[in-house]
Amino acid sequence: MKNLLVSVEELKKSRVKSLVDTRLREFKELGNGSNNEIFRELCFCILTANSSAEKCMKVQIDLGDQFLTLSESNLAKKLKELGYRFPNTRARYIVNARRYKNSIKDVIGMFYDDELRGWLVENIKGIGYKEASHFLRNIGYADFAIIDFHIIDSLTKHKIIEKPKGLTKGKYLDIEGLLRKIARKSNLNLAELDLYLWYLETGKILK
């Protein structure tokens, strides 16, 4: 863990800190946005399961408000045209989630943080713990870990965990607990730590 903490500290003293801070401000602003803006971000996170975040960002930009209006078949067709890997399944999930598109802000306001993540996993098809954590981070929540293969690779490389064969809820929460300890040692929250770890693995600050 020591080497990882040193690497994070070095990034905190570099230009990367301003990139991280800017991105976190953008997340907070999005969380104060409209139902439509927040729902579009939910759609983005539905798309990211087993897919490249960078590719999904491009799809999100291309589709915009069409996430809110296209029929399931037309949405699937559009996703396929944009080169997205799972057009039919994700179109179905997005259309299913639309029952919350006009009330997503009210729903978010009904729960404490961890209850909210659990509600998303239970009620939004296509959303697991990673996607729910991703969505909440992207609308300004700071205390959830987004445990994707970049984060797992980083933790494995630094001998903090053994690479898991799969991510059950229990395993996810165990790794999140380890990341929370790393965040505390780094004087960061989990949202900040995620962006720094992503940069260490990819050289990019995405979302």
C-alpha atoms as a PDB file:
ATOM      1  CA  MET A   1       0.000   0.000   0.000  1.00  0.00           C
ATOM      2  CA  LYS A   2       2.892   2.355   0.724  1.00  0.00           C
ATOM      3  CA  ASN A   3       3.911   2.689  -2.930  1.00  0.00           C
ATOM      4  CA  LEU A   4       0.340   3.435  -3.951  1.00  0.00           C
ATOM      5  CA  LEU A   5       0.024   6.114  -1.273  1.00  0.00           C
ATOM      6  CA  VAL A   6       3.283   7.699  -2.458  1.00  0.00           C
ATOM      7  CA  SER A   7       2.051   7.748  -6.065  1.00  0.00           C
ATOM      8  CA  VAL A   8      -1.230   9.385  -5.050  1.00  0.00           C
ATOM      9  CA  GLU A   9       0.615  12.012  -2.999  1.00  0.00           C
ATOM     10  CA  GLU A  10       2.802  12.852  -5.985  1.00  0.00           C
ATOM     11  CA  LEU A  11      -0.289  13.340  -8.155  1.00  0.00           C
ATOM     12  CA  LYS A  12      -1.853  15.599  -5.512  1.00  0.00           C
ATOM     13  CA  LYS A  13       1.145  17.914  -5.899  1.00  0.00           C
ATOM     14  CA  SER A  14       0.932  17.941  -9.698  1.00  0.00           C
ATOM     15  CA  ARG A  15      -1.319  19.502 -12.327  1.00  0.00           C
ATOM     16  CA  VAL A  16      -3.569  16.443 -11.971  1.00  0.00           C
ATOM     17  CA  LYS A  17      -5.024  17.916  -8.777  1.00  0.00           C
ATOM     18  CA  SER A  18      -6.601  20.801 -10.691  1.00  0.00           C
ATOM     19  CA  LEU A  19      -8.093  18.331 -13.197  1.00  0.00           C
ATOM     20  CA  VAL A  20      -9.547  16.251 -10.361  1.00  0.00           C
ATOM     21  CA  ASP A  21     -10.917  19.324  -8.582  1.00  0.00           C
ATOM     22  CA  THR A  22     -12.521  20.597 -11.790  1.00  0.00           C
ATOM     23  CA  ARG A  23     -14.176  17.265 -12.478  1.00  0.00           C
ATOM     24  CA  LEU A  24     -15.545  17.054  -8.931  1.00  0.00           C
ATOM     25  CA  ARG A  25     -17.042  20.544  -9.283  1.00  0.00           C
ATOM     26  CA  GLU A  26     -18.710  19.405 -12.498  1.00  0.00           C
ATOM     27  CA  PHE A  27     -20.195  16.418 -10.672  1.00  0.00           C
ATOM     28  CA  LYS A  28     -21.663  18.708  -7.991  1.00  0.00           C
ATOM     29  CA  GLU A  29     -23.133  20.998 -10.650  1.00  0.00           C
ATOM     30  CA  LEU A  30     -24.727  18.050 -12.426  1.00  0.00           C
ATOM     31  CA  GLY A  31     -26.296  16.922  -9.155  1.00  0.00           C
ATOM     32  CA  ASN A  32     -28.003  20.309  -8.964  1.00  0.00           C
ATOM     33  CA  GLY A  33     -29.273  19.991 -12.531  1.00  0.00           C
ATOM     34  CA  SER A  34     -32.667  19.082 -13.924  1.00  0.00           C
ATOM     35  CA  ASN A  35     -34.387  15.695 -13.856  1.00  0.00           C
ATOM     36  CA  ASN A  36     -33.502  15.292 -17.526  1.00  0.00           C
ATOM     37  CA  GLU A  37     -29.803  16.004 -16.959  1.00  0.00           C
ATOM     38  CA  ILE A  38     -29.603  13.571 -14.054  1.00  0.00           C
ATOM     39  CA  PHE A  39     -31.538  10.910 -15.957  1.00  0.00           C
ATOM     40  CA  ARG A  40     -29.152  11.217 -18.906  1.00  0.00           C
ATOM     41  CA  GLU A  41     -26.307  10.529 -16.486  1.00  0.00           C
ATOM     42  CA  LEU A  42     -28.141   7.462 -15.209  1.00  0.00           C
ATOM     43  CA  CYS A  43     -28.407   6.272 -18.820  1.00  0.00           C
ATOM     44  CA  PHE A  44     -24.665   6.792 -19.260  1.00  0.00           C
ATOM     45  CA  CYS A  45     -23.979   4.627 -16.207  1.00  0.00           C
ATOM     46  CA  ILE A  46     -26.332   1.919 -17.476  1.00  0.00           C
ATOM     47  CA  LEU A  47     -24.287   1.872 -20.678  1.00  0.00           C
ATOM     48  CA  THR A  48     -20.940   1.550 -18.876  1.00  0.00           C
ATOM     49  CA  ALA A  49     -21.495  -2.006 -17.607  1.00  0.00           C
ATOM     50  CA  ASN A  50     -18.843  -4.146 -19.361  1.00  0.00           C
ATOM     51  CA  SER A  51     -18.102  -1.241 -21.699  1.00  0.00           C
ATOM     52  CA  SER A  52     -15.512   1.491 -22.085  1.00  0.00           C
ATOM     53  CA  ALA A  53     -16.392   4.677 -20.181  1.00  0.00           C
ATOM     54  CA  GLU A  54     -14.738   6.722 -22.906  1.00  0.00           C
ATOM     55  CA  LYS A  55     -16.869   5.098 -25.600  1.00  0.00           C
ATOM     56  CA  CYS A  56     -20.009   5.581 -23.504  1.00  0.00           C
ATOM     57  CA  MET A  57     -19.213   9.275 -23.042  1.00  0.00           C
ATOM     58  CA  LYS A  58     -19.192   9.668 -26.831  1.00  0.00           C
ATOM     59  CA  VAL A  59     -22.496   7.793 -27.116  1.00  0.00           C
ATOM     60  CA  GLN A  60     -23.994  10.005 -24.403  1.00  0.00           C
ATOM     61  CA  ILE A  61     -22.987  13.154 -26.259  1.00  0.00           C
ATOM     62  CA  ASP A  62     -24.345  11.842 -29.573  1.00  0.00           C
ATOM     63  CA  LEU A  63     -27.685  10.774 -28.120  1.00  0.00           C
ATOM     64  CA  GLY A  64     -28.366  13.646 -25.712  1.00  0.00           C
ATOM     65  CA  ASP A  65     -32.095  14.018 -25.101  1.00  0.00           C
ATOM     66  CA  GLN A  66     -32.843  11.031 -27.353  1.00  0.00           C
ATOM     67  CA  PHE A  67     -32.297   8.947 -24.206  1.00  0.00           C
ATOM     68  CA  LEU A  68     -35.601  10.442 -23.074  1.00  0.00           C
ATOM     69  CA  THR A  69     -37.662  10.059 -26.217  1.00  0.00           C
ATOM     70  CA  LEU A  70     -36.624   7.278 -28.611  1.00  0.00           C
ATOM     71  CA  SER A  71     -38.641   4.090 -28.676  1.00  0.00           C
ATOM     72  CA  GLU A  72     -36.819   0.985 -27.491  1.00  0.00           C
ATOM     73  CA  SER A  73     -36.296  -0.282 -31.034  1.00  0.00           C
ATOM     74  CA  ASN A  74     -35.052   3.081 -32.321  1.00  0.00           C
ATOM     75  CA  LEU A  75     -32.786   3.537 -29.319  1.00  0.00           C
ATOM     76  CA  ALA A  76     -31.300   0.082 -29.899  1.00  0.00           C
ATOM     77  CA  LYS A  77     -30.820   0.916 -33.571  1.00  0.00           C
ATOM     78  CA  LYS A  78     -29.073   4.172 -32.711  1.00  0.00           C
ATOM     79  CA  LEU A  79     -26.807   2.506 -30.156  1.00  0.00           C
ATOM     80  CA  LYS A  80     -25.859  -0.113 -32.730  1.00  0.00           C
ATOM     81  CA  GLU A  81     -25.087   2.595 -35.308  1.00  0.00           C
ATOM     82  CA  LEU A  82     -22.812   4.268 -32.761  1.00  0.00           C
ATOM     83  CA  GLY A  83     -20.881   1.018 -32.299  1.00  0.00           C
ATOM     84  CA  TYR A  84     -22.155   0.246 -28.826  1.00  0.00           C
ATOM     85  CA  ARG A  85     -21.704  -3.438 -27.889  1.00  0.00           C
ATOM     86  CA  PHE A  86     -25.038  -4.265 -26.209  1.00  0.00           C
ATOM     87  CA  PRO A  87     -27.664  -2.185 -28.009  1.00  0.00           C
ATOM     88  CA  ASN A  88     -30.770  -4.272 -27.418  1.00  0.00           C
ATOM     89  CA  THR A  89     -30.297  -5.047 -23.729  1.00  0.00           C
ATOM     90  CA  ARG A  90     -29.245  -1.539 -22.734  1.00  0.00           C
ATOM     91  CA  ALA A  91     -32.039   0.071 -24.766  1.00  0.00           C
ATOM     92  CA  ARG A  92     -34.494  -2.086 -22.861  1.00  0.00           C
ATOM     93  CA  TYR A  93     -32.964  -1.099 -19.514  1.00  0.00           C
ATOM     94  CA  ILE A  94     -33.026   2.606 -20.365  1.00  0.00           C
ATOM     95  CA  VAL A  95     -36.639   2.552 -21.522  1.00  0.00           C
ATOM     96  CA  ASN A  96     -37.566   0.620 -18.380  1.00  0.00           C
ATOM     97  CA  ALA A  97     -35.847   3.269 -16.220  1.00  0.00           C
ATOM     98  CA  ARG A  98     -37.860   6.074 -17.821  1.00  0.00           C
ATOM     99  CA  ARG A  99     -40.606   5.610 -15.277  1.00  0.00           C
ATOM    100  CA  TYR A 100     -38.327   7.607 -12.971  1.00  0.00           C
ATOM    101  CA  LYS A 101     -37.103  10.227 -15.447  1.00  0.00           C
ATOM    102  CA  ASN A 102     -39.437  12.963 -14.208  1.00  0.00           C
ATOM    103  CA  SER A 103     -38.988  12.134 -10.533  1.00  0.00           C
ATOM    104  CA  ILE A 104     -35.342  11.086 -10.244  1.00  0.00           C
ATOM    105  CA  LYS A 105     -34.421  14.128  -8.127  1.00  0.00           C
ATOM    106  CA  ASP A 106     -37.285  13.432  -5.727  1.00  0.00           C
ATOM    107  CA  VAL A 107     -36.247   9.779  -5.479  1.00  0.00           C
ATOM    108  CA  ILE A 108     -32.654  10.752  -4.726  1.00  0.00           C
ATOM    109  CA  GLY A 109     -33.809  13.051  -1.958  1.00  0.00           C
ATOM    110  CA  MET A 110     -35.793  10.317  -0.207  1.00  0.00           C
ATOM    111  CA  PHE A 111     -32.857   8.198   0.991  1.00  0.00           C
ATOM    112  CA  TYR A 112     -29.673   8.318   3.012  1.00  0.00           C
ATOM    113  CA  ASP A 113     -26.585   7.637   0.908  1.00  0.00           C
ATOM    114  CA  ASP A 114     -26.174   3.861   1.254  1.00  0.00           C
ATOM    115  CA  GLU A 115     -29.940   3.286   1.217  1.00  0.00           C
ATOM    116  CA  LEU A 116     -30.015   5.205  -2.057  1.00  0.00           C
ATOM    117  CA  ARG A 117     -27.379   2.991  -3.647  1.00  0.00           C
ATOM    118  CA  GLY A 118     -29.309  -0.079  -2.546  1.00  0.00           C
ATOM    119  CA  TRP A 119     -32.529   1.342  -3.969  1.00  0.00           C
ATOM    120  CA  LEU A 120     -30.869   1.961  -7.344  1.00  0.00           C
ATOM    121  CA  VAL A 121     -29.525  -1.599  -7.485  1.00  0.00           C
ATOM    122  CA  GLU A 122     -32.907  -3.058  -6.570  1.00  0.00           C
ATOM    123  CA  ASN A 123     -35.082  -0.875  -8.800  1.00  0.00           C
ATOM    124  CA  ILE A 124     -33.114   0.079 -11.927  1.00  0.00           C
ATOM    125  CA  LYS A 125     -32.464  -2.826 -14.290  1.00  0.00           C
ATOM    126  CA  GLY A 126     -28.886  -2.842 -15.529  1.00  0.00           C
ATOM    127  CA  ILE A 127     -27.568  -1.089 -12.422  1.00  0.00           C
ATOM    128  CA  GLY A 128     -25.302  -3.038 -10.075  1.00  0.00           C
ATOM    129  CA  TYR A 129     -23.147  -1.749  -7.240  1.00  0.00           C
ATOM    130  CA  LYS A 130     -20.464  -0.428  -9.585  1.00  0.00           C
ATOM    131  CA  GLU A 131     -22.930   1.397 -11.838  1.00  0.00           C
ATOM    132  CA  ALA A 132     -24.934   2.767  -8.896  1.00  0.00           C
ATOM    133  CA  SER A 133     -21.736   4.030  -7.266  1.00  0.00           C
ATOM    134  CA  HIS A 134     -20.636   5.538 -10.583  1.00  0.00           C
ATOM    135  CA  PHE A 135     -23.940   7.338 -11.038  1.00  0.00           C
ATOM    136  CA  LEU A 136     -23.940   8.711  -7.499  1.00  0.00           C
ATOM    137  CA  ARG A 137     -20.321   9.877  -7.773  1.00  0.00           C
ATOM    138  CA  ASN A 138     -21.142  11.619 -11.049  1.00  0.00           C
ATOM    139  CA  ILE A 139     -23.945  13.614  -9.430  1.00  0.00           C
ATOM    140  CA  GLY A 140     -21.843  14.741  -6.492  1.00  0.00           C
ATOM    141  CA  TYR A 141     -21.812  11.954  -3.898  1.00  0.00           C
ATOM    142  CA  ALA A 142     -18.314  11.477  -2.526  1.00  0.00           C
ATOM    143  CA  ASP A 143     -18.328   8.302  -0.416  1.00  0.00           C
ATOM    144  CA  PHE A 144     -18.827   5.449  -2.874  1.00  0.00           C
ATOM    145  CA  ALA A 145     -16.137   3.404  -4.626  1.00  0.00           C
ATOM    146  CA  ILE A 146     -16.411   2.583  -8.327  1.00  0.00           C
ATOM    147  CA  ILE A 147     -14.719  -0.798  -8.443  1.00  0.00           C
ATOM    148  CA  ASP A 148     -14.015  -1.496 -12.105  1.00  0.00           C
ATOM    149  CA  PHE A 149     -11.148  -3.421 -13.678  1.00  0.00           C
ATOM    150  CA  HIS A 150      -8.846  -0.364 -13.602  1.00  0.00           C
ATOM    151  CA  ILE A 151      -9.227  -0.082  -9.838  1.00  0.00           C
ATOM    152  CA  ILE A 152      -8.888  -3.843  -9.342  1.00  0.00           C
ATOM    153  CA  ASP A 153      -5.745  -3.883 -11.510  1.00  0.00           C
ATOM    154  CA  SER A 154      -4.250  -1.045  -9.479  1.00  0.00           C
ATOM    155  CA  LEU A 155      -4.967  -2.729  -6.147  1.00  0.00           C
ATOM    156  CA  THR A 156      -3.706  -6.082  -7.456  1.00  0.00           C
ATOM    157  CA  LYS A 157      -0.525  -4.565  -8.845  1.00  0.00           C
ATOM    158  CA  HIS A 158       0.228  -2.985  -5.457  1.00  0.00           C
ATOM    159  CA  LYS A 159      -0.467  -6.320  -3.694  1.00  0.00           C
ATOM    160  CA  ILE A 160      -3.358  -4.848  -1.688  1.00  0.00           C
ATOM    161  CA  ILE A 161      -5.795  -7.524  -2.896  1.00  0.00           C
ATOM    162  CA  GLU A 162      -5.696 -10.735  -4.870  1.00  0.00           C
ATOM    163  CA  LYS A 163      -7.541 -10.345  -8.144  1.00  0.00           C
ATOM    164  CA  PRO A 164     -11.095 -11.599  -7.524  1.00  0.00           C
ATOM    165  CA  LYS A 165     -12.771 -14.028  -9.909  1.00  0.00           C
ATOM    166  CA  GLY A 166     -16.005 -12.076  -9.585  1.00  0.00           C
ATOM    167  CA  LEU A 167     -17.554  -9.236  -7.623  1.00  0.00           C
ATOM    168  CA  THR A 168     -20.361 -10.321  -5.339  1.00  0.00           C
ATOM    169  CA  LYS A 169     -21.991  -7.689  -3.163  1.00  0.00           C
ATOM    170  CA  GLY A 170     -19.893  -8.869  -0.216  1.00  0.00           C
ATOM    171  CA  LYS A 171     -16.618  -8.739  -2.172  1.00  0.00           C
ATOM    172  CA  TYR A 172     -17.522  -5.320  -3.554  1.00  0.00           C
ATOM    173  CA  LEU A 173     -18.136  -3.922  -0.081  1.00  0.00           C
ATOM    174  CA  ASP A 174     -14.924  -5.527   1.246  1.00  0.00           C
ATOM    175  CA  ILE A 175     -12.840  -3.841  -1.462  1.00  0.00           C
ATOM    176  CA  GLU A 176     -14.721  -0.592  -0.916  1.00  0.00           C
ATOM    177  CA  GLY A 177     -13.722  -0.805   2.744  1.00  0.00           C
ATOM    178  CA  LEU A 178     -10.047  -1.148   1.752  1.00  0.00           C
ATOM    179  CA  LEU A 179     -10.348   1.816  -0.600  1.00  0.00           C
ATOM    180  CA  ARG A 180     -11.935   3.840   2.197  1.00  0.00           C
ATOM    181  CA  LYS A 181      -8.866   3.155   4.370  1.00  0.00           C
ATOM    182  CA  ILE A 182      -6.567   4.245   1.530  1.00  0.00           C
ATOM    183  CA  ALA A 183      -8.643   7.377   1.042  1.00  0.00           C
ATOM    184  CA  ARG A 184      -8.371   8.260   4.742  1.00  0.00           C
ATOM    185  CA  LYS A 185      -4.597   7.773   4.699  1.00  0.00           C
ATOM    186  CA  SER A 186      -4.446  10.048   1.639  1.00  0.00           C
ATOM    187  CA  ASN A 187      -6.772  12.683   3.153  1.00  0.00           C
ATOM    188  CA  LEU A 188      -9.164  12.156   0.272  1.00  0.00           C
ATOM    189  CA  ASN A 189     -12.753  11.049  -0.124  1.00  0.00           C
ATOM    190  CA  LEU A 190     -13.565   8.046  -2.308  1.00  0.00           C
ATOM    191  CA  ALA A 191     -14.620  10.196  -5.262  1.00  0.00           C
ATOM    192  CA  GLU A 192     -11.248  11.956  -5.276  1.00  0.00           C
ATOM    193  CA  LEU A 193      -9.314   8.730  -4.770  1.00  0.00           C
ATOM    194  CA  ASP A 194     -11.111   7.069  -7.677  1.00  0.00           C
ATOM    195  CA  LEU A 195     -10.055   9.811 -10.089  1.00  0.00           C
ATOM    196  CA  TYR A 196      -6.438   9.655  -8.919  1.00  0.00           C
ATOM    197  CA  LEU A 197      -6.328   5.863  -9.206  1.00  0.00           C
ATOM    198  CA  TRP A 198      -7.911   6.049 -12.654  1.00  0.00           C
ATOM    199  CA  TYR A 199      -5.233   8.520 -13.699  1.00  0.00           C
ATOM    200  CA  LEU A 200      -2.494   6.236 -12.383  1.00  0.00           C
ATOM    201  CA  GLU A 201      -3.849   3.380 -14.509  1.00  0.00           C
ATOM    202  CA  THR A 202      -4.916   5.249 -17.670  1.00  0.00           C
ATOM    203  CA  GLY A 203      -3.316   8.703 -17.681  1.00  0.00           C
ATOM    204  CA  LYS A 204      -6.806  10.189 -18.050  1.00  0.00           C
ATOM    205  CA  ILE A 205      -9.401  11.961 -15.931  1.00  0.00           C
ATOM    206  CA  LEU A 206     -12.795  10.902 -17.280  1.00  0.00           C
ATOM    207  CA  LYS A 207     -15.998  10.464 -15.331  1.00  0.00           C
END
